[in-house]
Amino acid sequence: MQEPTESKYVPAMGFHCLTPCYDAIVRTTGRERTVKQALICQAQLEPGQQVLDLASGTGTLAIWIKQSQPRARVTGIDADPGIISIASRKAHKAKVSVTFDQALSYHLPYPAAQFDRVLSSMFFHHLAWQDKVRTTQEVFRVLKPGAELHLADWGRAANICMRGLFLTVQLLDGFKNTQANVQGKLITLFEQNGFVDVSQRQSFNTIYGTIAVYSATKPS
């Protein structure tokens, strides 16, 4: 599957050389367990559901999804083969069955209406606006009617202090990619691409800014 020439993905932490440090940095600075467990709880996973972890990174969220609902079928997908290798090793060590696939978020290798839930954590801010749109359209396509998207990412700053702290993220991941997050445009993005009942459900302040947790539903 070829990546269009006008787009490129930003790896974890912005640079491939920082990928091995990703887990340690996120664990100590980003309230990872609090945010991801809130995301899983919000998704209300049920036995037998097919769940996609979009841009699964090192696999932490996918593993926790499987541990929280062992009878769900969990798939993680990421564009970076190196980080998929890390995720696969972590899942094996955790003794959970999770499938990890390599593909771009806007070219998902799955048939329409396959998944009951799509979860994603700290990914959309890496994407240029056109790829945010294409990714949202792909997520909509692979969700079953009535199924749900649950997403955590940087959101509109809770206060001026949080806005100042977020400049660090923007310097690393790019001002253009993160501008929609700063402006609170993700809700509009989802609504304009077919989702209903779109809302920001929770928010968490971190040392790098405000993380928002969203939900959206594909109409039945």
C-alpha atoms as a PDB file:
ATOM      1  CA  MET A   1       0.000   0.000   0.000  1.00  0.00           C
ATOM      2  CA  GLN A   2       1.639   3.216  -1.108  1.00  0.00           C
ATOM      3  CA  GLU A   3       1.543   6.491   0.721  1.00  0.00           C
ATOM      4  CA  PRO A   4       0.455   9.487  -1.344  1.00  0.00           C
ATOM      5  CA  THR A   5       3.352  11.791  -2.113  1.00  0.00           C
ATOM      6  CA  GLU A   6       1.640  14.859  -0.691  1.00  0.00           C
ATOM      7  CA  SER A   7       1.348  13.346   2.803  1.00  0.00           C
ATOM      8  CA  LYS A   8       3.622  11.905   5.406  1.00  0.00           C
ATOM      9  CA  TYR A   9       3.084  10.562   8.886  1.00  0.00           C
ATOM     10  CA  VAL A  10       4.822  11.933  11.954  1.00  0.00           C
ATOM     11  CA  PRO A  11       6.304   9.147  14.100  1.00  0.00           C
ATOM     12  CA  ALA A  12       5.860   8.881  17.845  1.00  0.00           C
ATOM     13  CA  MET A  13       7.618  11.768  19.624  1.00  0.00           C
ATOM     14  CA  GLY A  14       8.140  13.427  16.232  1.00  0.00           C
ATOM     15  CA  PHE A  15      11.320  11.564  15.300  1.00  0.00           C
ATOM     16  CA  HIS A  16      12.081   7.859  14.748  1.00  0.00           C
ATOM     17  CA  CYS A  17      15.165   8.117  16.977  1.00  0.00           C
ATOM     18  CA  LEU A  18      12.906   8.938  19.957  1.00  0.00           C
ATOM     19  CA  THR A  19      10.576   5.942  19.483  1.00  0.00           C
ATOM     20  CA  PRO A  20      12.426   3.741  22.044  1.00  0.00           C
ATOM     21  CA  CYS A  21      11.827   6.470  24.651  1.00  0.00           C
ATOM     22  CA  TYR A  22       8.121   6.823  23.898  1.00  0.00           C
ATOM     23  CA  ASP A  23       6.682   4.614  26.647  1.00  0.00           C
ATOM     24  CA  ALA A  24       8.827   6.122  29.404  1.00  0.00           C
ATOM     25  CA  ILE A  25       8.093   9.715  28.380  1.00  0.00           C
ATOM     26  CA  VAL A  26       4.337   9.235  27.963  1.00  0.00           C
ATOM     27  CA  ARG A  27       4.051   7.259  31.178  1.00  0.00           C
ATOM     28  CA  THR A  28       5.753   9.959  33.252  1.00  0.00           C
ATOM     29  CA  THR A  29       4.449  13.147  31.611  1.00  0.00           C
ATOM     30  CA  GLY A  30       1.105  12.501  29.920  1.00  0.00           C
ATOM     31  CA  ARG A  31      -1.132  10.909  32.613  1.00  0.00           C
ATOM     32  CA  GLU A  32      -1.197   7.898  30.304  1.00  0.00           C
ATOM     33  CA  ARG A  33      -2.982   5.429  32.562  1.00  0.00           C
ATOM     34  CA  THR A  34      -5.616   7.946  33.643  1.00  0.00           C
ATOM     35  CA  VAL A  35      -6.419   9.046  30.090  1.00  0.00           C
ATOM     36  CA  LYS A  36      -6.380   5.621  28.443  1.00  0.00           C
ATOM     37  CA  GLN A  37      -8.366   3.934  31.173  1.00  0.00           C
ATOM     38  CA  ALA A  38     -10.945   6.736  30.947  1.00  0.00           C
ATOM     39  CA  LEU A  39     -11.107   6.148  27.196  1.00  0.00           C
ATOM     40  CA  ILE A  40     -11.645   2.399  27.663  1.00  0.00           C
ATOM     41  CA  CYS A  41     -14.299   2.943  30.335  1.00  0.00           C
ATOM     42  CA  GLN A  42     -16.098   5.452  28.117  1.00  0.00           C
ATOM     43  CA  ALA A  43     -16.204   2.947  25.214  1.00  0.00           C
ATOM     44  CA  GLN A  44     -18.191   0.410  27.297  1.00  0.00           C
ATOM     45  CA  LEU A  45     -16.739  -2.601  25.508  1.00  0.00           C
ATOM     46  CA  GLU A  46     -18.762  -5.805  25.325  1.00  0.00           C
ATOM     47  CA  PRO A  47     -17.875  -9.471  24.679  1.00  0.00           C
ATOM     48  CA  GLY A  48     -17.621 -10.376  21.017  1.00  0.00           C
ATOM     49  CA  GLN A  49     -17.091  -6.828  19.793  1.00  0.00           C
ATOM     50  CA  GLN A  50     -14.442  -6.067  17.191  1.00  0.00           C
ATOM     51  CA  VAL A  51     -12.288  -3.182  18.396  1.00  0.00           C
ATOM     52  CA  LEU A  52      -9.703  -1.219  16.414  1.00  0.00           C
ATOM     53  CA  ASP A  53      -6.939   0.754  18.126  1.00  0.00           C
ATOM     54  CA  LEU A  54      -6.132   3.363  15.487  1.00  0.00           C
ATOM     55  CA  ALA A  55      -2.443   4.348  15.443  1.00  0.00           C
ATOM     56  CA  SER A  56      -1.714   1.842  18.188  1.00  0.00           C
ATOM     57  CA  GLY A  57       1.867   2.913  18.743  1.00  0.00           C
ATOM     58  CA  THR A  58       3.671   0.689  21.215  1.00  0.00           C
ATOM     59  CA  GLY A  59       0.457  -1.216  21.922  1.00  0.00           C
ATOM     60  CA  THR A  60      -0.346  -0.078  25.446  1.00  0.00           C
ATOM     61  CA  LEU A  61      -3.951   0.904  24.701  1.00  0.00           C
ATOM     62  CA  ALA A  62      -4.645  -2.234  22.638  1.00  0.00           C
ATOM     63  CA  ILE A  63      -3.269  -4.430  25.419  1.00  0.00           C
ATOM     64  CA  TRP A  64      -5.325  -2.666  28.078  1.00  0.00           C
ATOM     65  CA  ILE A  65      -8.432  -2.964  25.892  1.00  0.00           C
ATOM     66  CA  LYS A  66      -7.924  -6.723  25.645  1.00  0.00           C
ATOM     67  CA  GLN A  67      -7.262  -7.027  29.368  1.00  0.00           C
ATOM     68  CA  SER A  68     -10.400  -5.047  30.196  1.00  0.00           C
ATOM     69  CA  GLN A  69     -12.588  -7.125  27.854  1.00  0.00           C
ATOM     70  CA  PRO A  70     -10.837 -10.459  27.117  1.00  0.00           C
ATOM     71  CA  ARG A  71     -13.684 -11.632  24.870  1.00  0.00           C
ATOM     72  CA  ALA A  72     -13.367  -8.677  22.498  1.00  0.00           C
ATOM     73  CA  ARG A  73     -11.374  -9.105  19.274  1.00  0.00           C
ATOM     74  CA  VAL A  74      -8.745  -6.388  19.340  1.00  0.00           C
ATOM     75  CA  THR A  75      -6.713  -5.121  16.388  1.00  0.00           C
ATOM     76  CA  GLY A  76      -4.061  -2.427  16.494  1.00  0.00           C
ATOM     77  CA  ILE A  77      -2.891  -0.601  13.382  1.00  0.00           C
ATOM     78  CA  ASP A  78       0.060   1.729  12.848  1.00  0.00           C
ATOM     79  CA  ALA A  79       2.114   2.997   9.918  1.00  0.00           C
ATOM     80  CA  ASP A  80       5.476   2.475  11.639  1.00  0.00           C
ATOM     81  CA  PRO A  81       6.843  -1.096  11.343  1.00  0.00           C
ATOM     82  CA  GLY A  82       9.367  -0.472  14.101  1.00  0.00           C
ATOM     83  CA  ILE A  83       6.751   0.515  16.625  1.00  0.00           C
ATOM     84  CA  ILE A  84       4.557  -2.440  15.595  1.00  0.00           C
ATOM     85  CA  SER A  85       7.442  -4.747  16.504  1.00  0.00           C
ATOM     86  CA  ILE A  86       7.591  -3.168  19.946  1.00  0.00           C
ATOM     87  CA  ALA A  87       3.811  -3.535  20.356  1.00  0.00           C
ATOM     88  CA  SER A  88       3.854  -7.188  19.322  1.00  0.00           C
ATOM     89  CA  ARG A  89       6.572  -7.985  21.855  1.00  0.00           C
ATOM     90  CA  LYS A  90       4.659  -6.181  24.606  1.00  0.00           C
ATOM     91  CA  ALA A  91       1.455  -8.091  23.824  1.00  0.00           C
ATOM     92  CA  HIS A  92       3.336 -11.397  23.879  1.00  0.00           C
ATOM     93  CA  LYS A  93       4.895 -10.490  27.215  1.00  0.00           C
ATOM     94  CA  ALA A  94       1.478  -9.507  28.588  1.00  0.00           C
ATOM     95  CA  LYS A  95       0.062 -12.831  27.321  1.00  0.00           C
ATOM     96  CA  VAL A  96      -2.816 -11.242  25.433  1.00  0.00           C
ATOM     97  CA  SER A  97      -3.983 -11.917  21.887  1.00  0.00           C
ATOM     98  CA  VAL A  98      -3.903  -8.700  19.863  1.00  0.00           C
ATOM     99  CA  THR A  99      -3.403  -8.478  16.092  1.00  0.00           C
ATOM    100  CA  PHE A 100      -1.157  -5.638  14.894  1.00  0.00           C
ATOM    101  CA  ASP A 101      -1.331  -4.511  11.252  1.00  0.00           C
ATOM    102  CA  GLN A 102       0.760  -1.990   9.349  1.00  0.00           C
ATOM    103  CA  ALA A 103      -1.101   0.604   7.270  1.00  0.00           C
ATOM    104  CA  LEU A 104      -1.819   4.295   7.022  1.00  0.00           C
ATOM    105  CA  SER A 105      -4.795   5.672   8.905  1.00  0.00           C
ATOM    106  CA  TYR A 106      -6.378   7.014   5.724  1.00  0.00           C
ATOM    107  CA  HIS A 107      -5.992   3.696   3.852  1.00  0.00           C
ATOM    108  CA  LEU A 108      -7.320   1.139   6.341  1.00  0.00           C
ATOM    109  CA  PRO A 109      -7.062  -2.444   5.021  1.00  0.00           C
ATOM    110  CA  TYR A 110     -10.464  -3.527   6.313  1.00  0.00           C
ATOM    111  CA  PRO A 111     -13.887  -3.966   4.714  1.00  0.00           C
ATOM    112  CA  ALA A 112     -16.692  -1.534   5.385  1.00  0.00           C
ATOM    113  CA  ALA A 113     -18.716  -1.939   8.585  1.00  0.00           C
ATOM    114  CA  GLN A 114     -16.281  -4.297  10.333  1.00  0.00           C
ATOM    115  CA  PHE A 115     -15.731  -2.718  13.762  1.00  0.00           C
ATOM    116  CA  ASP A 116     -17.980  -2.052  16.733  1.00  0.00           C
ATOM    117  CA  ARG A 117     -15.565   0.421  18.300  1.00  0.00           C
ATOM    118  CA  VAL A 118     -12.594   2.451  17.111  1.00  0.00           C
ATOM    119  CA  LEU A 119     -10.397   3.885  19.844  1.00  0.00           C
ATOM    120  CA  SER A 120      -7.462   6.216  19.325  1.00  0.00           C
ATOM    121  CA  SER A 121      -5.106   7.970  21.707  1.00  0.00           C
ATOM    122  CA  MET A 122      -2.890  10.979  20.991  1.00  0.00           C
ATOM    123  CA  PHE A 123      -2.773  10.506  17.219  1.00  0.00           C
ATOM    124  CA  PHE A 124      -4.894  13.026  15.330  1.00  0.00           C
ATOM    125  CA  HIS A 125      -2.620  15.951  16.224  1.00  0.00           C
ATOM    126  CA  HIS A 126       0.117  14.306  14.137  1.00  0.00           C
ATOM    127  CA  LEU A 127      -1.942  14.619  10.948  1.00  0.00           C
ATOM    128  CA  ALA A 128      -2.192  17.453   8.455  1.00  0.00           C
ATOM    129  CA  TRP A 129      -5.773  18.691   8.058  1.00  0.00           C
ATOM    130  CA  GLN A 130      -6.357  16.821   4.765  1.00  0.00           C
ATOM    131  CA  ASP A 131      -5.235  13.606   6.450  1.00  0.00           C
ATOM    132  CA  LYS A 132      -7.415  14.272   9.483  1.00  0.00           C
ATOM    133  CA  VAL A 133     -10.347  14.420   7.046  1.00  0.00           C
ATOM    134  CA  ARG A 134      -9.338  11.290   5.135  1.00  0.00           C
ATOM    135  CA  THR A 135      -8.696   9.374   8.359  1.00  0.00           C
ATOM    136  CA  THR A 136     -12.090  10.368   9.752  1.00  0.00           C
ATOM    137  CA  GLN A 137     -13.750   9.198   6.541  1.00  0.00           C
ATOM    138  CA  GLU A 138     -11.937   5.846   6.767  1.00  0.00           C
ATOM    139  CA  VAL A 139     -12.923   5.381  10.405  1.00  0.00           C
ATOM    140  CA  PHE A 140     -16.535   6.117   9.450  1.00  0.00           C
ATOM    141  CA  ARG A 141     -16.313   3.544   6.642  1.00  0.00           C
ATOM    142  CA  VAL A 142     -14.979   0.674   8.771  1.00  0.00           C
ATOM    143  CA  LEU A 143     -17.409   1.223  11.650  1.00  0.00           C
ATOM    144  CA  LYS A 144     -20.680  -0.670  11.698  1.00  0.00           C
ATOM    145  CA  PRO A 145     -23.915   1.362  11.686  1.00  0.00           C
ATOM    146  CA  GLY A 146     -24.547   2.468  15.246  1.00  0.00           C
ATOM    147  CA  ALA A 147     -20.909   1.843  16.233  1.00  0.00           C
ATOM    148  CA  GLU A 148     -18.738   4.370  18.026  1.00  0.00           C
ATOM    149  CA  LEU A 149     -15.470   6.268  17.833  1.00  0.00           C
ATOM    150  CA  HIS A 150     -13.733   7.160  21.112  1.00  0.00           C
ATOM    151  CA  LEU A 151     -10.707   9.393  20.882  1.00  0.00           C
ATOM    152  CA  ALA A 152      -8.279  11.130  23.230  1.00  0.00           C
ATOM    153  CA  ASP A 153      -6.038  13.903  21.946  1.00  0.00           C
ATOM    154  CA  TRP A 154      -4.871  17.400  22.662  1.00  0.00           C
ATOM    155  CA  GLY A 155      -7.841  19.742  22.878  1.00  0.00           C
ATOM    156  CA  ARG A 156      -8.606  23.396  23.450  1.00  0.00           C
ATOM    157  CA  ALA A 157      -6.506  24.593  26.376  1.00  0.00           C
ATOM    158  CA  ALA A 158      -8.348  24.754  29.691  1.00  0.00           C
ATOM    159  CA  ASN A 159      -6.567  28.003  30.594  1.00  0.00           C
ATOM    160  CA  ILE A 160      -3.708  30.268  29.517  1.00  0.00           C
ATOM    161  CA  CYS A 161      -1.183  28.171  31.451  1.00  0.00           C
ATOM    162  CA  MET A 162      -2.208  25.015  29.565  1.00  0.00           C
ATOM    163  CA  ARG A 163      -1.974  26.942  26.286  1.00  0.00           C
ATOM    164  CA  GLY A 164       1.562  28.001  27.070  1.00  0.00           C
ATOM    165  CA  LEU A 165       2.602  24.485  28.005  1.00  0.00           C
ATOM    166  CA  PHE A 166       1.192  23.149  24.733  1.00  0.00           C
ATOM    167  CA  LEU A 167       3.737  25.193  22.765  1.00  0.00           C
ATOM    168  CA  THR A 168       6.252  22.463  23.625  1.00  0.00           C
ATOM    169  CA  VAL A 169       4.108  19.900  21.795  1.00  0.00           C
ATOM    170  CA  GLN A 170       3.670  22.218  18.838  1.00  0.00           C
ATOM    171  CA  LEU A 171       7.412  22.743  18.529  1.00  0.00           C
ATOM    172  CA  LEU A 172       7.902  18.971  18.400  1.00  0.00           C
ATOM    173  CA  ASP A 173       4.901  17.878  16.304  1.00  0.00           C
ATOM    174  CA  GLY A 174       4.335  20.966  14.169  1.00  0.00           C
ATOM    175  CA  PHE A 175       2.179  24.074  14.465  1.00  0.00           C
ATOM    176  CA  LYS A 176       0.065  23.362  11.360  1.00  0.00           C
ATOM    177  CA  ASN A 177      -0.751  19.775  12.388  1.00  0.00           C
ATOM    178  CA  THR A 178      -1.782  20.767  15.908  1.00  0.00           C
ATOM    179  CA  GLN A 179      -3.703  23.965  15.124  1.00  0.00           C
ATOM    180  CA  ALA A 180      -7.075  22.229  14.750  1.00  0.00           C
ATOM    181  CA  ASN A 181      -6.624  20.745  18.226  1.00  0.00           C
ATOM    182  CA  VAL A 182      -5.814  24.133  19.716  1.00  0.00           C
ATOM    183  CA  GLN A 183      -8.898  25.623  18.081  1.00  0.00           C
ATOM    184  CA  GLY A 184     -11.199  22.818  19.226  1.00  0.00           C
ATOM    185  CA  LYS A 185     -12.076  21.785  15.672  1.00  0.00           C
ATOM    186  CA  LEU A 186     -12.142  18.012  16.103  1.00  0.00           C
ATOM    187  CA  ILE A 187     -15.852  18.018  16.954  1.00  0.00           C
ATOM    188  CA  THR A 188     -16.576  19.912  13.729  1.00  0.00           C
ATOM    189  CA  LEU A 189     -14.316  17.507  11.823  1.00  0.00           C
ATOM    190  CA  PHE A 190     -16.305  14.484  12.978  1.00  0.00           C
ATOM    191  CA  GLU A 191     -19.689  16.110  12.409  1.00  0.00           C
ATOM    192  CA  GLN A 192     -18.788  17.224   8.883  1.00  0.00           C
ATOM    193  CA  ASN A 193     -17.833  13.651   7.989  1.00  0.00           C
ATOM    194  CA  GLY A 194     -21.040  11.922   8.985  1.00  0.00           C
ATOM    195  CA  PHE A 195     -20.815  11.275  12.734  1.00  0.00           C
ATOM    196  CA  VAL A 196     -23.621  12.152  15.123  1.00  0.00           C
ATOM    197  CA  ASP A 197     -23.828  12.612  18.892  1.00  0.00           C
ATOM    198  CA  VAL A 198     -20.326  14.102  18.812  1.00  0.00           C
ATOM    199  CA  SER A 199     -19.130  15.532  22.100  1.00  0.00           C
ATOM    200  CA  GLN A 200     -16.163  16.173  24.318  1.00  0.00           C
ATOM    201  CA  ARG A 201     -16.811  13.932  27.289  1.00  0.00           C
ATOM    202  CA  GLN A 202     -13.823  14.579  29.554  1.00  0.00           C
ATOM    203  CA  SER A 203     -10.619  16.606  29.792  1.00  0.00           C
ATOM    204  CA  PHE A 204      -7.346  16.209  31.659  1.00  0.00           C
ATOM    205  CA  ASN A 205      -4.635  18.773  32.309  1.00  0.00           C
ATOM    206  CA  THR A 206      -1.038  17.591  31.902  1.00  0.00           C
ATOM    207  CA  ILE A 207       2.382  19.224  32.005  1.00  0.00           C
ATOM    208  CA  TYR A 208       2.143  19.662  28.216  1.00  0.00           C
ATOM    209  CA  GLY A 209      -1.423  20.939  27.926  1.00  0.00           C
ATOM    210  CA  THR A 210      -5.044  19.796  27.998  1.00  0.00           C
ATOM    211  CA  ILE A 211      -6.071  16.357  26.713  1.00  0.00           C
ATOM    212  CA  ALA A 212      -9.697  16.034  25.595  1.00  0.00           C
ATOM    213  CA  VAL A 213     -11.652  12.793  25.301  1.00  0.00           C
ATOM    214  CA  TYR A 214     -14.298  12.690  22.568  1.00  0.00           C
ATOM    215  CA  SER A 215     -17.013  10.304  21.446  1.00  0.00           C
ATOM    216  CA  ALA A 216     -18.898  10.082  18.141  1.00  0.00           C
ATOM    217  CA  THR A 217     -21.404   7.643  16.650  1.00  0.00           C
ATOM    218  CA  LYS A 218     -21.980   6.383  13.123  1.00  0.00           C
ATOM    219  CA  PRO A 219     -25.719   6.672  12.415  1.00  0.00           C
ATOM    220  CA  SER A 220     -27.664   3.405  12.429  1.00  0.00           C
END
